[in-house]
Amino acid sequence: MEDYDLISLVHERIFEYRSSHGHAPAAVLLSPTAFHWMRLIYEEERQLLGHSALNENSWTLHIEGAEITVRVDEMLGDFEIRLI
């Protein structure tokens, strides 16, 4: 799936969740593969910009004005994202 943009999809899903629930989700659940991709993407961002939205010390994502835990869910498919 060449056009799959994990970061944009996560942002979009968090925005949709916030719009429908009135608050940000507590956690983003990703497959092991998606979690690995996210780490690589944010590491590249950290190297280029000196910072990133992912805090690897606490596994939280600072996005859409919220601090959201990032977790691995081994039951999810590579392109699935679940918010809780």
C-alpha atoms as a PDB file:
ATOM      1  CA  MET A   1       0.000   0.000   0.000  1.00  0.00           C
ATOM      2  CA  GLU A   2       2.236   2.821  -1.265  1.00  0.00           C
ATOM      3  CA  ASP A   3       0.007   5.759  -0.382  1.00  0.00           C
ATOM      4  CA  TYR A   4      -0.546   4.734   3.246  1.00  0.00           C
ATOM      5  CA  ASP A   5       0.320   7.707   5.456  1.00  0.00           C
ATOM      6  CA  LEU A   6       0.284   6.437   9.030  1.00  0.00           C
ATOM      7  CA  ILE A   7       0.900   9.783  10.714  1.00  0.00           C
ATOM      8  CA  SER A   8      -1.836  11.585   8.766  1.00  0.00           C
ATOM      9  CA  LEU A   9      -4.251   8.757   9.478  1.00  0.00           C
ATOM     10  CA  VAL A  10      -3.493   8.861  13.215  1.00  0.00           C
ATOM     11  CA  HIS A  11      -4.012  12.645  13.252  1.00  0.00           C
ATOM     12  CA  GLU A  12      -7.283  12.274  11.345  1.00  0.00           C
ATOM     13  CA  ARG A  13      -8.604   9.538  13.629  1.00  0.00           C
ATOM     14  CA  ILE A  14      -7.708  11.536  16.767  1.00  0.00           C
ATOM     15  CA  PHE A  15      -9.441  14.628  15.363  1.00  0.00           C
ATOM     16  CA  GLU A  16     -12.554  12.553  14.531  1.00  0.00           C
ATOM     17  CA  TYR A  17     -12.553  10.969  17.996  1.00  0.00           C
ATOM     18  CA  ARG A  18     -12.249  14.354  19.673  1.00  0.00           C
ATOM     19  CA  SER A  19     -15.041  15.784  17.518  1.00  0.00           C
ATOM     20  CA  SER A  20     -17.455  12.973  18.319  1.00  0.00           C
ATOM     21  CA  HIS A  21     -16.561  12.413  22.013  1.00  0.00           C
ATOM     22  CA  GLY A  22     -15.656  15.944  23.129  1.00  0.00           C
ATOM     23  CA  HIS A  23     -12.202  14.879  24.347  1.00  0.00           C
ATOM     24  CA  ALA A  24      -9.058  13.230  23.022  1.00  0.00           C
ATOM     25  CA  PRO A  25      -8.668   9.446  23.303  1.00  0.00           C
ATOM     26  CA  ALA A  26      -6.625   8.007  26.158  1.00  0.00           C
ATOM     27  CA  ALA A  27      -4.616   5.768  23.851  1.00  0.00           C
ATOM     28  CA  VAL A  28      -3.790   4.925  20.256  1.00  0.00           C
ATOM     29  CA  LEU A  29      -3.449   1.191  19.626  1.00  0.00           C
ATOM     30  CA  LEU A  30      -1.286   0.103  16.696  1.00  0.00           C
ATOM     31  CA  SER A  31      -0.127  -3.192  15.256  1.00  0.00           C
ATOM     32  CA  PRO A  32       3.518  -4.045  15.935  1.00  0.00           C
ATOM     33  CA  THR A  33       4.333  -3.116  12.330  1.00  0.00           C
ATOM     34  CA  ALA A  34       2.535   0.243  12.503  1.00  0.00           C
ATOM     35  CA  PHE A  35       4.164   0.966  15.864  1.00  0.00           C
ATOM     36  CA  HIS A  36       7.581   0.318  14.320  1.00  0.00           C
ATOM     37  CA  TRP A  37       6.752   2.600  11.353  1.00  0.00           C
ATOM     38  CA  MET A  38       5.626   5.343  13.711  1.00  0.00           C
ATOM     39  CA  ARG A  39       8.860   5.107  15.690  1.00  0.00           C
ATOM     40  CA  LEU A  40      10.922   5.359  12.500  1.00  0.00           C
ATOM     41  CA  ILE A  41       8.939   8.327  11.195  1.00  0.00           C
ATOM     42  CA  TYR A  42       9.197  10.251  14.458  1.00  0.00           C
ATOM     43  CA  GLU A  43      12.886   9.387  14.837  1.00  0.00           C
ATOM     44  CA  GLU A  44      13.508  10.880  11.408  1.00  0.00           C
ATOM     45  CA  GLU A  45      11.520  13.962  12.435  1.00  0.00           C
ATOM     46  CA  ARG A  46      13.580  14.224  15.638  1.00  0.00           C
ATOM     47  CA  GLN A  47      16.817  14.033  13.639  1.00  0.00           C
ATOM     48  CA  LEU A  48      15.670  16.637  11.103  1.00  0.00           C
ATOM     49  CA  LEU A  49      13.927  19.087  13.446  1.00  0.00           C
ATOM     50  CA  GLY A  50      15.455  18.344  16.834  1.00  0.00           C
ATOM     51  CA  HIS A  51      12.093  17.278  18.312  1.00  0.00           C
ATOM     52  CA  SER A  52       9.076  15.121  17.561  1.00  0.00           C
ATOM     53  CA  ALA A  53       5.538  14.543  18.797  1.00  0.00           C
ATOM     54  CA  LEU A  54       6.418  11.067  20.144  1.00  0.00           C
ATOM     55  CA  ASN A  55       7.999  10.864  23.583  1.00  0.00           C
ATOM     56  CA  GLU A  56       9.756   7.496  23.632  1.00  0.00           C
ATOM     57  CA  ASN A  57      10.455   7.727  27.377  1.00  0.00           C
ATOM     58  CA  SER A  58       6.753   7.609  28.245  1.00  0.00           C
ATOM     59  CA  TRP A  59       5.370   6.320  24.895  1.00  0.00           C
ATOM     60  CA  THR A  60       3.055   9.282  24.611  1.00  0.00           C
ATOM     61  CA  LEU A  61       2.101  11.204  21.535  1.00  0.00           C
ATOM     62  CA  HIS A  62       1.667  14.959  21.873  1.00  0.00           C
ATOM     63  CA  ILE A  63      -0.874  15.676  19.176  1.00  0.00           C
ATOM     64  CA  GLU A  64      -3.989  17.784  18.663  1.00  0.00           C
ATOM     65  CA  GLY A  65      -3.297  19.531  21.993  1.00  0.00           C
ATOM     66  CA  ALA A  66      -3.397  16.291  23.987  1.00  0.00           C
ATOM     67  CA  GLU A  67      -1.017  13.713  25.435  1.00  0.00           C
ATOM     68  CA  ILE A  68      -2.081  10.279  24.205  1.00  0.00           C
ATOM     69  CA  THR A  69      -0.525   6.946  25.157  1.00  0.00           C
ATOM     70  CA  VAL A  70       0.736   4.796  22.273  1.00  0.00           C
ATOM     71  CA  ARG A  71       0.334   1.025  22.717  1.00  0.00           C
ATOM     72  CA  VAL A  72       0.881  -2.095  20.658  1.00  0.00           C
ATOM     73  CA  ASP A  73      -2.063  -4.412  20.020  1.00  0.00           C
ATOM     74  CA  GLU A  74      -0.851  -7.611  18.394  1.00  0.00           C
ATOM     75  CA  MET A  75      -4.387  -8.475  17.276  1.00  0.00           C
ATOM     76  CA  LEU A  76      -4.584  -5.489  14.894  1.00  0.00           C
ATOM     77  CA  GLY A  77      -3.749  -5.760  11.217  1.00  0.00           C
ATOM     78  CA  ASP A  78      -0.865  -3.712   9.839  1.00  0.00           C
ATOM     79  CA  PHE A  79      -3.119  -0.882   8.634  1.00  0.00           C
ATOM     80  CA  GLU A  80      -5.539  -0.765  11.578  1.00  0.00           C
ATOM     81  CA  ILE A  81      -5.638   1.924  14.247  1.00  0.00           C
ATOM     82  CA  ARG A  82      -7.828   1.705  17.325  1.00  0.00           C
ATOM     83  CA  LEU A  83      -8.505   4.529  19.766  1.00  0.00           C
ATOM     84  CA  ILE A  84      -9.670   4.060  23.339  1.00  0.00           C
END
